[in-house]
Each structure stands twice: as structure tokens, then as C-alpha cells.
PDB file of N, CA and C in Angstrom:
ATOM      1  N   MET A   1      11.205 -24.120  -7.842  1.00  0.00           N
ATOM      2  CA  MET A   1      10.763 -22.803  -8.277  1.00  0.00           C
ATOM      3  C   MET A   1       9.753 -22.984  -9.417  1.00  0.00           C
ATOM      4  N   PRO A   2       8.575 -22.333  -9.336  1.00  0.00           N
ATOM      5  CA  PRO A   2       7.559 -22.512 -10.367  1.00  0.00           C
ATOM      6  C   PRO A   2       7.973 -21.895 -11.691  1.00  0.00           C
ATOM      7  N   ASN A   3       7.438 -22.461 -12.738  1.00  0.00           N
ATOM      8  CA  ASN A   3       7.664 -21.956 -14.086  1.00  0.00           C
ATOM      9  C   ASN A   3       6.931 -20.630 -14.244  1.00  0.00           C
ATOM     10  N   ASP A   4       7.631 -19.579 -14.692  1.00  0.00           N
ATOM     11  CA  ASP A   4       7.024 -18.264 -14.846  1.00  0.00           C
ATOM     12  C   ASP A   4       5.873 -18.267 -15.842  1.00  0.00           C
ATOM     13  N   ASP A   5       5.895 -19.179 -16.803  1.00  0.00           N
ATOM     14  CA  ASP A   5       4.837 -19.236 -17.795  1.00  0.00           C
ATOM     15  C   ASP A   5       3.564 -19.868 -17.233  1.00  0.00           C
ATOM     16  N   ALA A   6       3.675 -20.586 -16.106  1.00  0.00           N
ATOM     17  CA  ALA A   6       2.531 -21.301 -15.552  1.00  0.00           C
ATOM     18  C   ALA A   6       1.609 -20.388 -14.744  1.00  0.00           C
ATOM     19  N   HIS A   7       2.125 -19.292 -14.217  1.00  0.00           N
ATOM     20  CA  HIS A   7       1.342 -18.391 -13.374  1.00  0.00           C
ATOM     21  C   HIS A   7       1.590 -16.955 -13.816  1.00  0.00           C
ATOM     22  N   ARG A   8       0.551 -16.156 -13.690  1.00  0.00           N
ATOM     23  CA  ARG A   8       0.757 -14.754 -14.028  1.00  0.00           C
ATOM     24  C   ARG A   8      -0.323 -13.888 -13.415  1.00  0.00           C
ATOM     25  N   ILE A   9      -0.004 -12.633 -13.312  1.00  0.00           N
ATOM     26  CA  ILE A   9      -0.957 -11.630 -12.851  1.00  0.00           C
ATOM     27  C   ILE A   9      -1.578 -10.998 -14.090  1.00  0.00           C
ATOM     28  N   SER A  10      -2.885 -10.955 -14.138  1.00  0.00           N
ATOM     29  CA  SER A  10      -3.545 -10.289 -15.257  1.00  0.00           C
ATOM     30  C   SER A  10      -4.130  -8.967 -14.776  1.00  0.00           C
ATOM     31  N   VAL A  11      -4.196  -8.020 -15.672  1.00  0.00           N
ATOM     32  CA  VAL A  11      -4.706  -6.687 -15.373  1.00  0.00           C
ATOM     33  C   VAL A  11      -6.083  -6.547 -16.001  1.00  0.00           C
ATOM     34  N   ARG A  12      -7.048  -6.191 -15.179  1.00  0.00           N
ATOM     35  CA  ARG A  12      -8.422  -6.050 -15.651  1.00  0.00           C
ATOM     36  C   ARG A  12      -8.852  -4.589 -15.732  1.00  0.00           C
ATOM     37  N   LEU A  13      -7.900  -3.722 -16.000  1.00  0.00           N
ATOM     38  CA  LEU A  13      -8.182  -2.290 -16.078  1.00  0.00           C
ATOM     39  C   LEU A  13      -9.232  -1.995 -17.129  1.00  0.00           C
ATOM     40  N   ASP A  14      -9.135  -2.650 -18.274  1.00  0.00           N
ATOM     41  CA  ASP A  14     -10.090  -2.420 -19.354  1.00  0.00           C
ATOM     42  C   ASP A  14     -11.524  -2.728 -18.906  1.00  0.00           C
ATOM     43  N   ASP A  15     -11.696  -3.819 -18.173  1.00  0.00           N
ATOM     44  CA  ASP A  15     -13.024  -4.197 -17.683  1.00  0.00           C
ATOM     45  C   ASP A  15     -13.579  -3.158 -16.717  1.00  0.00           C
ATOM     46  N   VAL A  16     -12.732  -2.704 -15.800  1.00  0.00           N
ATOM     47  CA  VAL A  16     -13.183  -1.720 -14.809  1.00  0.00           C
ATOM     48  C   VAL A  16     -13.502  -0.394 -15.493  1.00  0.00           C
ATOM     49  N   LEU A  17     -12.678   0.011 -16.444  1.00  0.00           N
ATOM     50  CA  LEU A  17     -12.968   1.239 -17.196  1.00  0.00           C
ATOM     51  C   LEU A  17     -14.316   1.133 -17.912  1.00  0.00           C
ATOM     52  N   ARG A  18     -14.549   0.000 -18.526  1.00  0.00           N
ATOM     53  CA  ARG A  18     -15.816  -0.202 -19.249  1.00  0.00           C
ATOM     54  C   ARG A  18     -16.998  -0.119 -18.286  1.00  0.00           C
ATOM     55  N   GLU A  19     -16.864  -0.754 -17.117  1.00  0.00           N
ATOM     56  CA  GLU A  19     -17.932  -0.711 -16.111  1.00  0.00           C
ATOM     57  C   GLU A  19     -18.210   0.715 -15.649  1.00  0.00           C
ATOM     58  N   ARG A  20     -17.172   1.535 -15.580  1.00  0.00           N
ATOM     59  CA  ARG A  20     -17.303   2.924 -15.113  1.00  0.00           C
ATOM     60  C   ARG A  20     -17.625   3.883 -16.257  1.00  0.00           C
ATOM     61  N   GLU A  21     -17.709   3.341 -17.473  1.00  0.00           N
ATOM     62  CA  GLU A  21     -17.946   4.151 -18.683  1.00  0.00           C
ATOM     63  C   GLU A  21     -16.928   5.293 -18.763  1.00  0.00           C
ATOM     64  N   MET A  22     -15.654   4.916 -18.574  1.00  0.00           N
ATOM     65  CA  MET A  22     -14.565   5.872 -18.605  1.00  0.00           C
ATOM     66  C   MET A  22     -13.538   5.404 -19.635  1.00  0.00           C
ATOM     67  N   THR A  23     -12.916   6.343 -20.300  1.00  0.00           N
ATOM     68  CA  THR A  23     -11.878   5.995 -21.265  1.00  0.00           C
ATOM     69  C   THR A  23     -10.508   6.029 -20.587  1.00  0.00           C
ATOM     70  N   LEU A  24      -9.555   5.424 -21.232  1.00  0.00           N
ATOM     71  CA  LEU A  24      -8.183   5.459 -20.734  1.00  0.00           C
ATOM     72  C   LEU A  24      -7.668   6.896 -20.708  1.00  0.00           C
ATOM     73  N   THR A  25      -8.081   7.691 -21.677  1.00  0.00           N
ATOM     74  CA  THR A  25      -7.695   9.104 -21.719  1.00  0.00           C
ATOM     75  C   THR A  25      -8.240   9.849 -20.513  1.00  0.00           C
ATOM     76  N   ASP A  26      -9.508   9.596 -20.165  1.00  0.00           N
ATOM     77  CA  ASP A  26     -10.110  10.215 -18.975  1.00  0.00           C
ATOM     78  C   ASP A  26      -9.300   9.858 -17.733  1.00  0.00           C
ATOM     79  N   LEU A  27      -8.985   8.574 -17.578  1.00  0.00           N
ATOM     80  CA  LEU A  27      -8.238   8.131 -16.417  1.00  0.00           C
ATOM     81  C   LEU A  27      -6.853   8.755 -16.383  1.00  0.00           C
ATOM     82  N   SER A  28      -6.213   8.830 -17.527  1.00  0.00           N
ATOM     83  CA  SER A  28      -4.886   9.428 -17.633  1.00  0.00           C
ATOM     84  C   SER A  28      -4.891  10.863 -17.110  1.00  0.00           C
ATOM     85  N   GLU A  29      -5.887  11.621 -17.517  1.00  0.00           N
ATOM     86  CA  GLU A  29      -5.989  13.015 -17.080  1.00  0.00           C
ATOM     87  C   GLU A  29      -6.265  13.112 -15.585  1.00  0.00           C
ATOM     88  N   ARG A  30      -7.071  12.212 -15.063  1.00  0.00           N
ATOM     89  CA  ARG A  30      -7.450  12.264 -13.646  1.00  0.00           C
ATOM     90  C   ARG A  30      -6.320  11.855 -12.711  1.00  0.00           C
ATOM     91  N   VAL A  31      -5.489  10.899 -13.127  1.00  0.00           N
ATOM     92  CA  VAL A  31      -4.428  10.421 -12.241  1.00  0.00           C
ATOM     93  C   VAL A  31      -3.066  11.038 -12.549  1.00  0.00           C
ATOM     94  N   GLY A  32      -2.961  11.763 -13.649  1.00  0.00           N
ATOM     95  CA  GLY A  32      -1.710  12.426 -13.974  1.00  0.00           C
ATOM     96  C   GLY A  32      -0.645  11.500 -14.516  1.00  0.00           C
ATOM     97  N   LEU A  33      -1.061  10.404 -15.140  1.00  0.00           N
ATOM     98  CA  LEU A  33      -0.122   9.486 -15.786  1.00  0.00           C
ATOM     99  C   LEU A  33      -0.266   9.605 -17.293  1.00  0.00           C
ATOM    100  N   THR A  34       0.806   9.307 -17.994  1.00  0.00           N
ATOM    101  CA  THR A  34       0.725   9.394 -19.445  1.00  0.00           C
ATOM    102  C   THR A  34      -0.173   8.284 -19.984  1.00  0.00           C
ATOM    103  N   LEU A  35      -0.779   8.568 -21.097  1.00  0.00           N
ATOM    104  CA  LEU A  35      -1.616   7.586 -21.773  1.00  0.00           C
ATOM    105  C   LEU A  35      -0.785   6.362 -22.147  1.00  0.00           C
ATOM    106  N   ALA A  36       0.452   6.585 -22.546  1.00  0.00           N
ATOM    107  CA  ALA A  36       1.345   5.472 -22.919  1.00  0.00           C
ATOM    108  C   ALA A  36       1.582   4.533 -21.741  1.00  0.00           C
ATOM    109  N   ASN A  37       1.855   5.088 -20.561  1.00  0.00           N
ATOM    110  CA  ASN A  37       2.095   4.244 -19.389  1.00  0.00           C
ATOM    111  C   ASN A  37       0.849   3.478 -18.972  1.00  0.00           C
ATOM    112  N   LEU A  38      -0.307   4.120 -19.017  1.00  0.00           N
ATOM    113  CA  LEU A  38      -1.548   3.420 -18.679  1.00  0.00           C
ATOM    114  C   LEU A  38      -1.861   2.346 -19.714  1.00  0.00           C
ATOM    115  N   SER A  39      -1.535   2.613 -20.953  1.00  0.00           N
ATOM    116  CA  SER A  39      -1.766   1.633 -22.013  1.00  0.00           C
ATOM    117  C   SER A  39      -0.913   0.385 -21.795  1.00  0.00           C
ATOM    118  N   ILE A  40       0.327   0.576 -21.379  1.00  0.00           N
ATOM    119  CA  ILE A  40       1.211  -0.556 -21.079  1.00  0.00           C
ATOM    120  C   ILE A  40       0.617  -1.390 -19.950  1.00  0.00           C
ATOM    121  N   LEU A  41       0.089  -0.721 -18.950  1.00  0.00           N
ATOM    122  CA  LEU A  41      -0.550  -1.433 -17.843  1.00  0.00           C
ATOM    123  C   LEU A  41      -1.798  -2.164 -18.314  1.00  0.00           C
ATOM    124  N   LYS A  42      -2.617  -1.485 -19.076  1.00  0.00           N
ATOM    125  CA  LYS A  42      -3.887  -2.048 -19.546  1.00  0.00           C
ATOM    126  C   LYS A  42      -3.688  -3.291 -20.401  1.00  0.00           C
ATOM    127  N   THR A  43      -2.662  -3.286 -21.220  1.00  0.00           N
ATOM    128  CA  THR A  43      -2.426  -4.415 -22.119  1.00  0.00           C
ATOM    129  C   THR A  43      -1.677  -5.564 -21.447  1.00  0.00           C
ATOM    130  N   GLY A  44      -1.321  -5.373 -20.177  1.00  0.00           N
ATOM    131  CA  GLY A  44      -0.641  -6.438 -19.452  1.00  0.00           C
ATOM    132  C   GLY A  44       0.846  -6.532 -19.737  1.00  0.00           C
ATOM    133  N   LYS A  45       1.415  -5.518 -20.363  1.00  0.00           N
ATOM    134  CA  LYS A  45       2.836  -5.541 -20.700  1.00  0.00           C
ATOM    135  C   LYS A  45       3.721  -4.960 -19.601  1.00  0.00           C
ATOM    136  N   ALA A  46       3.103  -4.390 -18.576  1.00  0.00           N
ATOM    137  CA  ALA A  46       3.872  -3.805 -17.475  1.00  0.00           C
ATOM    138  C   ALA A  46       4.497  -4.916 -16.642  1.00  0.00           C
ATOM    139  N   LYS A  47       5.712  -4.698 -16.204  1.00  0.00           N
ATOM    140  CA  LYS A  47       6.414  -5.658 -15.357  1.00  0.00           C
ATOM    141  C   LYS A  47       6.191  -5.362 -13.885  1.00  0.00           C
ATOM    142  N   ALA A  48       5.781  -4.125 -13.569  1.00  0.00           N
ATOM    143  CA  ALA A  48       5.579  -3.709 -12.185  1.00  0.00           C
ATOM    144  C   ALA A  48       4.626  -2.522 -12.159  1.00  0.00           C
ATOM    145  N   ILE A  49       4.094  -2.250 -10.972  1.00  0.00           N
ATOM    146  CA  ILE A  49       3.277  -1.063 -10.783  1.00  0.00           C
ATOM    147  C   ILE A  49       3.590  -0.498  -9.402  1.00  0.00           C
ATOM    148  N   ARG A  50       3.760   0.785  -9.321  1.00  0.00           N
ATOM    149  CA  ARG A  50       4.016   1.433  -8.039  1.00  0.00           C
ATOM    150  C   ARG A  50       2.725   1.464  -7.238  1.00  0.00           C
ATOM    151  N   PHE A  51       2.867   1.340  -5.922  1.00  0.00           N
ATOM    152  CA  PHE A  51       1.682   1.423  -5.069  1.00  0.00           C
ATOM    153  C   PHE A  51       1.005   2.776  -5.217  1.00  0.00           C
ATOM    154  N   SER A  52       1.776   3.833  -5.404  1.00  0.00           N
ATOM    155  CA  SER A  52       1.178   5.169  -5.563  1.00  0.00           C
ATOM    156  C   SER A  52       0.340   5.234  -6.832  1.00  0.00           C
ATOM    157  N   THR A  53       0.782   4.562  -7.887  1.00  0.00           N
ATOM    158  CA  THR A  53       0.004   4.509  -9.135  1.00  0.00           C
ATOM    159  C   THR A  53      -1.260   3.693  -8.927  1.00  0.00           C
ATOM    160  N   LEU A  54      -1.124   2.552  -8.297  1.00  0.00           N
ATOM    161  CA  LEU A  54      -2.276   1.702  -8.028  1.00  0.00           C
ATOM    162  C   LEU A  54      -3.284   2.438  -7.149  1.00  0.00           C
ATOM    163  N   GLU A  55      -2.787   3.147  -6.156  1.00  0.00           N
ATOM    164  CA  GLU A  55      -3.663   3.912  -5.270  1.00  0.00           C
ATOM    165  C   GLU A  55      -4.420   4.990  -6.043  1.00  0.00           C
ATOM    166  N   ALA A  56      -3.737   5.709  -6.925  1.00  0.00           N
ATOM    167  CA  ALA A  56      -4.385   6.767  -7.703  1.00  0.00           C
ATOM    168  C   ALA A  56      -5.451   6.198  -8.632  1.00  0.00           C
ATOM    169  N   ILE A  57      -5.153   5.077  -9.265  1.00  0.00           N
ATOM    170  CA  ILE A  57      -6.123   4.438 -10.158  1.00  0.00           C
ATOM    171  C   ILE A  57      -7.339   3.981  -9.361  1.00  0.00           C
ATOM    172  N   CYS A  58      -7.100   3.333  -8.227  1.00  0.00           N
ATOM    173  CA  CYS A  58      -8.211   2.862  -7.386  1.00  0.00           C
ATOM    174  C   CYS A  58      -9.059   4.026  -6.885  1.00  0.00           C
ATOM    175  N   ARG A  59      -8.409   5.117  -6.522  1.00  0.00           N
ATOM    176  CA  ARG A  59      -9.140   6.296  -6.053  1.00  0.00           C
ATOM    177  C   ARG A  59     -10.076   6.818  -7.142  1.00  0.00           C
ATOM    178  N   GLU A  60      -9.573   6.959  -8.343  1.00  0.00           N
ATOM    179  CA  GLU A  60     -10.376   7.520  -9.426  1.00  0.00           C
ATOM    180  C   GLU A  60     -11.452   6.569  -9.928  1.00  0.00           C
ATOM    181  N   LEU A  61     -11.165   5.277  -9.885  1.00  0.00           N
ATOM    182  CA  LEU A  61     -12.148   4.293 -10.362  1.00  0.00           C
ATOM    183  C   LEU A  61     -13.046   3.775  -9.242  1.00  0.00           C
ATOM    184  N   GLU A  62     -12.769   4.257  -8.008  1.00  0.00           N
ATOM    185  CA  GLU A  62     -13.536   3.822  -6.835  1.00  0.00           C
ATOM    186  C   GLU A  62     -13.609   2.299  -6.775  1.00  0.00           C
ATOM    187  N   CYS A  63     -12.419   1.698  -6.746  1.00  0.00           N
ATOM    188  CA  CYS A  63     -12.334   0.241  -6.717  1.00  0.00           C
ATOM    189  C   CYS A  63     -11.211  -0.188  -5.793  1.00  0.00           C
ATOM    190  N   GLN A  64     -11.056  -1.480  -5.629  1.00  0.00           N
ATOM    191  CA  GLN A  64     -10.000  -2.069  -4.821  1.00  0.00           C
ATOM    192  C   GLN A  64      -8.928  -2.645  -5.763  1.00  0.00           C
ATOM    193  N   PRO A  65      -7.684  -2.783  -5.288  1.00  0.00           N
ATOM    194  CA  PRO A  65      -6.636  -3.371  -6.133  1.00  0.00           C
ATOM    195  C   PRO A  65      -7.046  -4.727  -6.716  1.00  0.00           C
ATOM    196  N   GLY A  66      -7.766  -5.518  -5.947  1.00  0.00           N
ATOM    197  CA  GLY A  66      -8.224  -6.818  -6.426  1.00  0.00           C
ATOM    198  C   GLY A  66      -9.208  -6.743  -7.573  1.00  0.00           C
ATOM    199  N   ASP A  67      -9.832  -5.569  -7.751  1.00  0.00           N
ATOM    200  CA  ASP A  67     -10.716  -5.379  -8.899  1.00  0.00           C
ATOM    201  C   ASP A  67      -9.903  -5.201 -10.181  1.00  0.00           C
ATOM    202  N   LEU A  68      -8.668  -4.757 -10.029  1.00  0.00           N
ATOM    203  CA  LEU A  68      -7.802  -4.470 -11.178  1.00  0.00           C
ATOM    204  C   LEU A  68      -6.835  -5.596 -11.519  1.00  0.00           C
ATOM    205  N   LEU A  69      -6.449  -6.370 -10.505  1.00  0.00           N
ATOM    206  CA  LEU A  69      -5.426  -7.387 -10.690  1.00  0.00           C
ATOM    207  C   LEU A  69      -5.969  -8.754 -10.309  1.00  0.00           C
ATOM    208  N   ALA A  70      -5.598  -9.751 -11.078  1.00  0.00           N
ATOM    209  CA  ALA A  70      -6.009 -11.124 -10.779  1.00  0.00           C
ATOM    210  C   ALA A  70      -4.831 -12.058 -11.004  1.00  0.00           C
ATOM    211  N   TYR A  71      -4.757 -13.081 -10.189  1.00  0.00           N
ATOM    212  CA  TYR A  71      -3.746 -14.107 -10.326  1.00  0.00           C
ATOM    213  C   TYR A  71      -4.355 -15.242 -11.135  1.00  0.00           C
ATOM    214  N   ASP A  72      -3.806 -15.491 -12.292  1.00  0.00           N
ATOM    215  CA  ASP A  72      -4.335 -16.524 -13.191  1.00  0.00           C
ATOM    216  C   ASP A  72      -3.399 -17.718 -13.215  1.00  0.00           C
ATOM    217  N   LYS A  73      -3.929 -18.883 -12.932  1.00  0.00           N
ATOM    218  CA  LYS A  73      -3.173 -20.121 -13.102  1.00  0.00           C
ATOM    219  C   LYS A  73      -3.596 -20.698 -14.451  1.00  0.00           C
ATOM    220  N   THR A  74      -2.662 -20.736 -15.360  1.00  0.00           N
ATOM    221  CA  THR A  74      -2.982 -21.286 -16.695  1.00  0.00           C
ATOM    222  C   THR A  74      -1.995 -22.329 -17.098  1.00  0.00           C
TER     223      THR A  74
END
């Protein structure tokens, strides 16, 4: 079983927001999620994400899940 510290999923929400010239507050209002929950996701502290949440974010940012999430081997 691999060491959990050796691999991780990183969230690139901040990068995509910057590219779209959108704030986290704007996204929060558009997808109907609290700013606190989006902030947890943005900072990489989230342990999971619902597909419905991911779908709503992708819809509003006009992106693919792979634009938001990356698998980092460190």
C-alpha cells in the first residue's frame, strides 16, 4: 500500500479562477455553495468533493474536472 504522504491530489481552483478573472465570492454565488466550503476546497484542505459540486464548478468556470484537479507525485 503506498504511503499517503507520497501522492496527493492538488486543487487548482485558484489558478482557474484567476484565468477567468473571477473571485471565490463570485463563484460561491453562482454555484450556491458557501464561501467557507469553497475556501476549504481551494486551499486543498477538503478530503472529498461531491460530483454535483464538481459539476457545478465546472459548469460555471467552463472547464473540465482535470483543469481543477491534479495528481501530484512528490
